[in-house]
Amino acid sequence: MNLVIFKFSNFQIFKLPPVKENFPLKTYNTFGISATARYFSSFASIEELDGLLSINQPTGTPGKLPLLILGGGSNILFTGNFDGLVLKNNILGIEKVREDADHIYVKAGAGVNWHQLVVYCIENNLAGVENLSLIPGNTGASPMQNIGAYGVEIKDVFFELEAFHVYEKTTVTFNLYECEFGYLFQFISHAGYYKFVFVFTFKNAVAVAKFTFC
């Protein structure tokens, strides 16, 4: 059964994505584990997430179900069914937001597949992230672990991210220094209040040469 929910905001009514019951998660995790979620939905905007959270506050609030935000499903192993609410992050979009003498700044939604973002940069002659190709998962998870490969880490191209404060329901921007990046570490993932990354902005150098690898 699907639950249809309407959200009232600023004297307007908009329909939230349907909440599905006993939803199979096999195609939503890379291990292909046959688990189900008691309730499942997805969000493609801050407004949709805010509306879905209003029907189920984060764990710790009396009487509310456990909450799981799901990205690309490549860093999770289900050992059984999830008896709570699973929300899939589908915030998409890639855009160049500005440019200076040294860098082009690219902004991507947290639900964008990471490798597809790398491909976008390569196709647009933007250097900096090509060593990070084929890393599984979505863009929103990349700063959470400071992903890296072949001598390059996210912190080397990172500019800022926008995160969502679970309890206050506000969007907060963190720059490079505030994230306190380390090896497979960053502050946001260890700060319990900030659970969801919406958009991630990083800087690329304009490619000045082409390379061929044989």
C-alpha atoms as a PDB file:
ATOM      1  CA  MET A   1       0.000   0.000   0.000  1.00  0.00           C
ATOM      2  CA  ASN A   2       1.207   3.517  -0.833  1.00  0.00           C
ATOM      3  CA  LEU A   3       0.573   6.409   1.519  1.00  0.00           C
ATOM      4  CA  VAL A   4      -0.230   9.681  -0.265  1.00  0.00           C
ATOM      5  CA  ILE A   5       0.742  12.740   1.746  1.00  0.00           C
ATOM      6  CA  PHE A   6       0.159  16.423   1.137  1.00  0.00           C
ATOM      7  CA  LYS A   7       2.339  19.189   2.546  1.00  0.00           C
ATOM      8  CA  PHE A   8       1.057  22.652   3.460  1.00  0.00           C
ATOM      9  CA  SER A   9       3.704  25.363   3.069  1.00  0.00           C
ATOM     10  CA  ASN A  10       3.347  29.134   2.700  1.00  0.00           C
ATOM     11  CA  PHE A  11      -0.362  28.751   1.974  1.00  0.00           C
ATOM     12  CA  GLN A  12       0.404  26.299  -0.824  1.00  0.00           C
ATOM     13  CA  ILE A  13      -0.297  22.589  -1.013  1.00  0.00           C
ATOM     14  CA  PHE A  14       2.087  20.234  -2.759  1.00  0.00           C
ATOM     15  CA  LYS A  15       2.081  16.467  -2.990  1.00  0.00           C
ATOM     16  CA  LEU A  16       4.966  14.593  -1.427  1.00  0.00           C
ATOM     17  CA  PRO A  17       6.489  11.489  -3.031  1.00  0.00           C
ATOM     18  CA  PRO A  18       4.489   8.370  -2.080  1.00  0.00           C
ATOM     19  CA  VAL A  19       5.527   6.390   0.994  1.00  0.00           C
ATOM     20  CA  LYS A  20       5.574   2.688   0.131  1.00  0.00           C
ATOM     21  CA  GLU A  21       5.200  -0.156   2.613  1.00  0.00           C
ATOM     22  CA  ASN A  22       7.278  -3.348   2.752  1.00  0.00           C
ATOM     23  CA  PHE A  23       9.477  -2.067  -0.042  1.00  0.00           C
ATOM     24  CA  PRO A  24      12.229  -4.362  -1.462  1.00  0.00           C
ATOM     25  CA  LEU A  25      15.763  -2.958  -1.181  1.00  0.00           C
ATOM     26  CA  LYS A  26      17.624  -5.548  -3.252  1.00  0.00           C
ATOM     27  CA  THR A  27      18.226  -3.199  -6.183  1.00  0.00           C
ATOM     28  CA  TYR A  28      19.160  -0.348  -3.832  1.00  0.00           C
ATOM     29  CA  ASN A  29      22.316  -1.911  -2.392  1.00  0.00           C
ATOM     30  CA  THR A  30      25.337  -3.113  -4.348  1.00  0.00           C
ATOM     31  CA  PHE A  31      25.548  -6.396  -2.398  1.00  0.00           C
ATOM     32  CA  GLY A  32      22.102  -7.239  -3.713  1.00  0.00           C
ATOM     33  CA  ILE A  33      20.833  -8.237  -0.268  1.00  0.00           C
ATOM     34  CA  SER A  34      17.160  -9.206  -0.278  1.00  0.00           C
ATOM     35  CA  ALA A  35      15.972  -6.934   2.513  1.00  0.00           C
ATOM     36  CA  THR A  36      12.812  -4.850   2.792  1.00  0.00           C
ATOM     37  CA  ALA A  37      12.029  -1.493   4.337  1.00  0.00           C
ATOM     38  CA  ARG A  38       8.918  -1.143   6.443  1.00  0.00           C
ATOM     39  CA  TYR A  39       8.402   2.249   4.778  1.00  0.00           C
ATOM     40  CA  PHE A  40      10.239   3.718   1.787  1.00  0.00           C
ATOM     41  CA  SER A  41      10.201   6.977  -0.132  1.00  0.00           C
ATOM     42  CA  SER A  42      12.569   9.269  -1.992  1.00  0.00           C
ATOM     43  CA  PHE A  43      13.220  12.988  -2.188  1.00  0.00           C
ATOM     44  CA  ALA A  44      14.498  15.199  -4.989  1.00  0.00           C
ATOM     45  CA  SER A  45      14.548  18.513  -3.138  1.00  0.00           C
ATOM     46  CA  ILE A  46      14.967  20.041   0.307  1.00  0.00           C
ATOM     47  CA  GLU A  47      11.239  20.724   0.431  1.00  0.00           C
ATOM     48  CA  GLU A  48      10.370  17.083  -0.190  1.00  0.00           C
ATOM     49  CA  LEU A  49      12.796  15.874   2.472  1.00  0.00           C
ATOM     50  CA  ASP A  50      11.465  18.386   4.983  1.00  0.00           C
ATOM     51  CA  GLY A  51       7.939  17.198   4.300  1.00  0.00           C
ATOM     52  CA  LEU A  52       8.855  13.524   4.650  1.00  0.00           C
ATOM     53  CA  LEU A  53      10.724  14.176   7.881  1.00  0.00           C
ATOM     54  CA  SER A  54       7.682  15.910   9.299  1.00  0.00           C
ATOM     55  CA  ILE A  55       5.872  12.560   9.334  1.00  0.00           C
ATOM     56  CA  ASN A  56       8.746  10.774  11.030  1.00  0.00           C
ATOM     57  CA  GLN A  57      11.269  12.614  13.190  1.00  0.00           C
ATOM     58  CA  PRO A  58      14.837  11.246  13.569  1.00  0.00           C
ATOM     59  CA  THR A  59      15.522   8.342  15.907  1.00  0.00           C
ATOM     60  CA  GLY A  60      15.495   9.471  19.533  1.00  0.00           C
ATOM     61  CA  THR A  61      12.103  11.118  19.353  1.00  0.00           C
ATOM     62  CA  PRO A  62       9.636   9.005  21.362  1.00  0.00           C
ATOM     63  CA  GLY A  63       7.261   6.956  19.247  1.00  0.00           C
ATOM     64  CA  LYS A  64       9.076   7.524  15.956  1.00  0.00           C
ATOM     65  CA  LEU A  65      10.537   4.897  13.645  1.00  0.00           C
ATOM     66  CA  PRO A  66      14.249   4.485  12.859  1.00  0.00           C
ATOM     67  CA  LEU A  67      15.350   6.578   9.888  1.00  0.00           C
ATOM     68  CA  LEU A  68      17.831   5.674   7.146  1.00  0.00           C
ATOM     69  CA  ILE A  69      18.948   7.991   4.350  1.00  0.00           C
ATOM     70  CA  LEU A  70      20.109   5.920   1.391  1.00  0.00           C
ATOM     71  CA  GLY A  71      22.520   7.113  -1.272  1.00  0.00           C
ATOM     72  CA  GLY A  72      24.109   4.871  -3.880  1.00  0.00           C
ATOM     73  CA  GLY A  73      23.914   1.815  -1.622  1.00  0.00           C
ATOM     74  CA  SER A  74      27.586   0.919  -2.074  1.00  0.00           C
ATOM     75  CA  ASN A  75      28.642   1.380   1.552  1.00  0.00           C
ATOM     76  CA  ILE A  76      25.887  -0.475   3.372  1.00  0.00           C
ATOM     77  CA  LEU A  77      25.288  -4.125   4.219  1.00  0.00           C
ATOM     78  CA  PHE A  78      21.783  -5.114   5.247  1.00  0.00           C
ATOM     79  CA  THR A  79      21.748  -8.020   7.699  1.00  0.00           C
ATOM     80  CA  GLY A  80      17.952  -8.111   7.787  1.00  0.00           C
ATOM     81  CA  ASN A  81      14.868  -6.075   7.051  1.00  0.00           C
ATOM     82  CA  PHE A  82      14.852  -2.415   8.090  1.00  0.00           C
ATOM     83  CA  ASP A  83      11.967  -1.780  10.478  1.00  0.00           C
ATOM     84  CA  GLY A  84      11.721   1.934   9.862  1.00  0.00           C
ATOM     85  CA  LEU A  85      11.618   4.631   7.183  1.00  0.00           C
ATOM     86  CA  VAL A  86      14.156   4.572   4.320  1.00  0.00           C
ATOM     87  CA  LEU A  87      14.499   7.763   2.289  1.00  0.00           C
ATOM     88  CA  LYS A  88      16.421   7.618  -1.002  1.00  0.00           C
ATOM     89  CA  ASN A  89      18.398  10.742  -1.869  1.00  0.00           C
ATOM     90  CA  ASN A  90      17.555  11.685  -5.474  1.00  0.00           C
ATOM     91  CA  ILE A  91      18.762  15.282  -5.473  1.00  0.00           C
ATOM     92  CA  LEU A  92      20.310  15.613  -8.939  1.00  0.00           C
ATOM     93  CA  GLY A  93      21.855  18.306 -11.121  1.00  0.00           C
ATOM     94  CA  ILE A  94      25.357  19.388 -12.175  1.00  0.00           C
ATOM     95  CA  GLU A  95      26.183  22.989 -13.002  1.00  0.00           C
ATOM     96  CA  LYS A  96      29.096  25.377 -13.323  1.00  0.00           C
ATOM     97  CA  VAL A  97      28.406  28.145 -10.826  1.00  0.00           C
ATOM     98  CA  ARG A  98      31.337  30.497 -11.329  1.00  0.00           C
ATOM     99  CA  GLU A  99      34.868  30.871 -12.617  1.00  0.00           C
ATOM    100  CA  ASP A 100      37.987  32.749 -11.581  1.00  0.00           C
ATOM    101  CA  ALA A 101      41.529  32.978 -12.933  1.00  0.00           C
ATOM    102  CA  ASP A 102      42.502  29.552 -11.609  1.00  0.00           C
ATOM    103  CA  HIS A 103      39.384  27.447 -11.171  1.00  0.00           C
ATOM    104  CA  ILE A 104      35.926  26.612 -12.393  1.00  0.00           C
ATOM    105  CA  TYR A 105      33.470  25.874  -9.600  1.00  0.00           C
ATOM    106  CA  VAL A 106      31.092  22.976 -10.192  1.00  0.00           C
ATOM    107  CA  LYS A 107      28.037  22.280  -8.048  1.00  0.00           C
ATOM    108  CA  ALA A 108      26.418  18.841  -7.938  1.00  0.00           C
ATOM    109  CA  GLY A 109      23.429  17.354  -6.168  1.00  0.00           C
ATOM    110  CA  ALA A 110      24.063  14.705  -3.536  1.00  0.00           C
ATOM    111  CA  GLY A 111      22.128  12.112  -5.534  1.00  0.00           C
ATOM    112  CA  VAL A 112      24.356  12.388  -8.615  1.00  0.00           C
ATOM    113  CA  ASN A 113      26.361   9.242  -9.322  1.00  0.00           C
ATOM    114  CA  TRP A 114      30.000  10.066  -8.547  1.00  0.00           C
ATOM    115  CA  HIS A 115      31.504   8.498 -11.664  1.00  0.00           C
ATOM    116  CA  GLN A 116      28.990  10.342 -13.854  1.00  0.00           C
ATOM    117  CA  LEU A 117      30.208  13.569 -12.273  1.00  0.00           C
ATOM    118  CA  VAL A 118      33.796  12.659 -13.119  1.00  0.00           C
ATOM    119  CA  VAL A 119      32.741  11.904 -16.696  1.00  0.00           C
ATOM    120  CA  TYR A 120      31.010  15.295 -16.881  1.00  0.00           C
ATOM    121  CA  CYS A 121      34.244  17.026 -15.835  1.00  0.00           C
ATOM    122  CA  ILE A 122      36.337  15.090 -18.351  1.00  0.00           C
ATOM    123  CA  GLU A 123      33.913  15.816 -21.184  1.00  0.00           C
ATOM    124  CA  ASN A 124      34.022  19.517 -20.296  1.00  0.00           C
ATOM    125  CA  ASN A 125      37.852  19.623 -20.108  1.00  0.00           C
ATOM    126  CA  LEU A 126      37.893  20.200 -16.351  1.00  0.00           C
ATOM    127  CA  ALA A 127      40.915  18.723 -14.608  1.00  0.00           C
ATOM    128  CA  GLY A 128      41.209  17.594 -11.002  1.00  0.00           C
ATOM    129  CA  VAL A 129      38.950  14.608 -10.362  1.00  0.00           C
ATOM    130  CA  GLU A 130      39.903  12.235 -13.186  1.00  0.00           C
ATOM    131  CA  ASN A 131      41.958  10.060 -10.789  1.00  0.00           C
ATOM    132  CA  LEU A 132      38.778   9.450  -8.799  1.00  0.00           C
ATOM    133  CA  SER A 133      36.866   7.779 -11.619  1.00  0.00           C
ATOM    134  CA  LEU A 134      34.915   4.536 -11.080  1.00  0.00           C
ATOM    135  CA  ILE A 135      34.649   5.018  -7.307  1.00  0.00           C
ATOM    136  CA  PRO A 136      31.190   3.635  -6.462  1.00  0.00           C
ATOM    137  CA  GLY A 137      28.491   5.656  -4.757  1.00  0.00           C
ATOM    138  CA  ASN A 138      26.952   9.084  -5.076  1.00  0.00           C
ATOM    139  CA  THR A 139      28.391  12.569  -4.865  1.00  0.00           C
ATOM    140  CA  GLY A 140      26.862  13.275  -1.454  1.00  0.00           C
ATOM    141  CA  ALA A 141      28.961  10.546   0.133  1.00  0.00           C
ATOM    142  CA  SER A 142      32.264  11.692  -1.368  1.00  0.00           C
ATOM    143  CA  PRO A 143      33.041  14.412   1.192  1.00  0.00           C
ATOM    144  CA  MET A 144      31.704  12.280   4.054  1.00  0.00           C
ATOM    145  CA  GLN A 145      34.633   9.873   3.633  1.00  0.00           C
ATOM    146  CA  ASN A 146      37.072  12.187   1.867  1.00  0.00           C
ATOM    147  CA  ILE A 147      37.333   9.618  -0.919  1.00  0.00           C
ATOM    148  CA  GLY A 148      40.681   9.334  -2.649  1.00  0.00           C
ATOM    149  CA  ALA A 149      42.679   7.392  -5.221  1.00  0.00           C
ATOM    150  CA  TYR A 150      46.054   7.636  -6.960  1.00  0.00           C
ATOM    151  CA  GLY A 151      47.291  10.565  -4.899  1.00  0.00           C
ATOM    152  CA  VAL A 152      44.117  12.676  -5.109  1.00  0.00           C
ATOM    153  CA  GLU A 153      41.545  13.205  -2.357  1.00  0.00           C
ATOM    154  CA  ILE A 154      38.286  15.130  -2.296  1.00  0.00           C
ATOM    155  CA  LYS A 155      39.873  17.754  -0.052  1.00  0.00           C
ATOM    156  CA  ASP A 156      42.193  18.679  -2.938  1.00  0.00           C
ATOM    157  CA  VAL A 157      39.286  19.894  -5.083  1.00  0.00           C
ATOM    158  CA  PHE A 158      36.668  20.619  -2.424  1.00  0.00           C
ATOM    159  CA  PHE A 159      35.178  24.095  -2.035  1.00  0.00           C
ATOM    160  CA  GLU A 160      32.037  23.782   0.130  1.00  0.00           C
ATOM    161  CA  LEU A 161      28.972  21.691   0.870  1.00  0.00           C
ATOM    162  CA  GLU A 162      25.452  22.326   2.069  1.00  0.00           C
ATOM    163  CA  ALA A 163      24.227  20.029   4.834  1.00  0.00           C
ATOM    164  CA  PHE A 164      20.872  19.631   6.533  1.00  0.00           C
ATOM    165  CA  HIS A 165      20.468  20.012  10.296  1.00  0.00           C
ATOM    166  CA  VAL A 166      18.198  17.145  11.318  1.00  0.00           C
ATOM    167  CA  TYR A 167      16.592  18.715  14.363  1.00  0.00           C
ATOM    168  CA  GLU A 168      16.505  22.398  13.425  1.00  0.00           C
ATOM    169  CA  LYS A 169      15.659  21.578   9.791  1.00  0.00           C
ATOM    170  CA  THR A 170      17.962  24.249   8.441  1.00  0.00           C
ATOM    171  CA  THR A 171      20.575  24.184   5.689  1.00  0.00           C
ATOM    172  CA  VAL A 172      24.139  24.951   6.784  1.00  0.00           C
ATOM    173  CA  THR A 173      27.152  25.594   4.532  1.00  0.00           C
ATOM    174  CA  PHE A 174      30.583  24.191   5.432  1.00  0.00           C
ATOM    175  CA  ASN A 175      33.788  25.269   3.708  1.00  0.00           C
ATOM    176  CA  LEU A 176      37.020  23.308   3.307  1.00  0.00           C
ATOM    177  CA  TYR A 177      38.485  24.252   6.688  1.00  0.00           C
ATOM    178  CA  GLU A 178      35.287  23.681   8.627  1.00  0.00           C
ATOM    179  CA  CYS A 179      35.083  20.126   7.303  1.00  0.00           C
ATOM    180  CA  GLU A 180      38.423  19.208   8.913  1.00  0.00           C
ATOM    181  CA  PHE A 181      39.308  16.645   6.259  1.00  0.00           C
ATOM    182  CA  GLY A 182      41.684  13.823   7.142  1.00  0.00           C
ATOM    183  CA  TYR A 183      42.387  10.346   5.810  1.00  0.00           C
ATOM    184  CA  LEU A 184      38.944   8.862   5.065  1.00  0.00           C
ATOM    185  CA  PHE A 185      37.544  11.343   7.586  1.00  0.00           C
ATOM    186  CA  GLN A 186      35.710  14.622   7.788  1.00  0.00           C
ATOM    187  CA  PHE A 187      33.944  16.488  10.557  1.00  0.00           C
ATOM    188  CA  ILE A 188      30.406  16.352   9.154  1.00  0.00           C
ATOM    189  CA  SER A 189      30.173  12.568   9.298  1.00  0.00           C
ATOM    190  CA  HIS A 190      31.042  12.655  13.011  1.00  0.00           C
ATOM    191  CA  ALA A 191      28.743  15.553  13.940  1.00  0.00           C
ATOM    192  CA  GLY A 192      25.485  13.895  14.864  1.00  0.00           C
ATOM    193  CA  TYR A 193      23.229  16.810  14.014  1.00  0.00           C
ATOM    194  CA  TYR A 194      24.241  17.133  10.388  1.00  0.00           C
ATOM    195  CA  LYS A 195      22.934  14.060   8.633  1.00  0.00           C
ATOM    196  CA  PHE A 196      22.274  14.860   5.004  1.00  0.00           C
ATOM    197  CA  VAL A 197      24.408  16.495   2.345  1.00  0.00           C
ATOM    198  CA  PHE A 198      22.372  18.293  -0.313  1.00  0.00           C
ATOM    199  CA  VAL A 199      24.838  19.844  -2.705  1.00  0.00           C
ATOM    200  CA  PHE A 200      28.584  19.727  -3.032  1.00  0.00           C
ATOM    201  CA  THR A 201      30.676  22.396  -4.771  1.00  0.00           C
ATOM    202  CA  PHE A 202      34.242  21.731  -5.835  1.00  0.00           C
ATOM    203  CA  LYS A 203      36.867  23.515  -7.897  1.00  0.00           C
ATOM    204  CA  ASN A 204      38.488  22.249 -11.080  1.00  0.00           C
ATOM    205  CA  ALA A 205      41.370  23.604 -13.050  1.00  0.00           C
ATOM    206  CA  VAL A 206      40.694  24.281 -16.701  1.00  0.00           C
ATOM    207  CA  ALA A 207      42.444  21.538 -18.642  1.00  0.00           C
ATOM    208  CA  VAL A 208      45.349  22.949 -20.671  1.00  0.00           C
ATOM    209  CA  ALA A 209      46.553  19.712 -22.241  1.00  0.00           C
ATOM    210  CA  LYS A 210      45.275  16.342 -23.342  1.00  0.00           C
ATOM    211  CA  PHE A 211      46.884  13.092 -22.235  1.00  0.00           C
ATOM    212  CA  THR A 212      46.717   9.643 -23.764  1.00  0.00           C
ATOM    213  CA  PHE A 213      47.311   6.567 -21.604  1.00  0.00           C
ATOM    214  CA  CYS A 214      48.329   3.315 -23.278  1.00  0.00           C
END
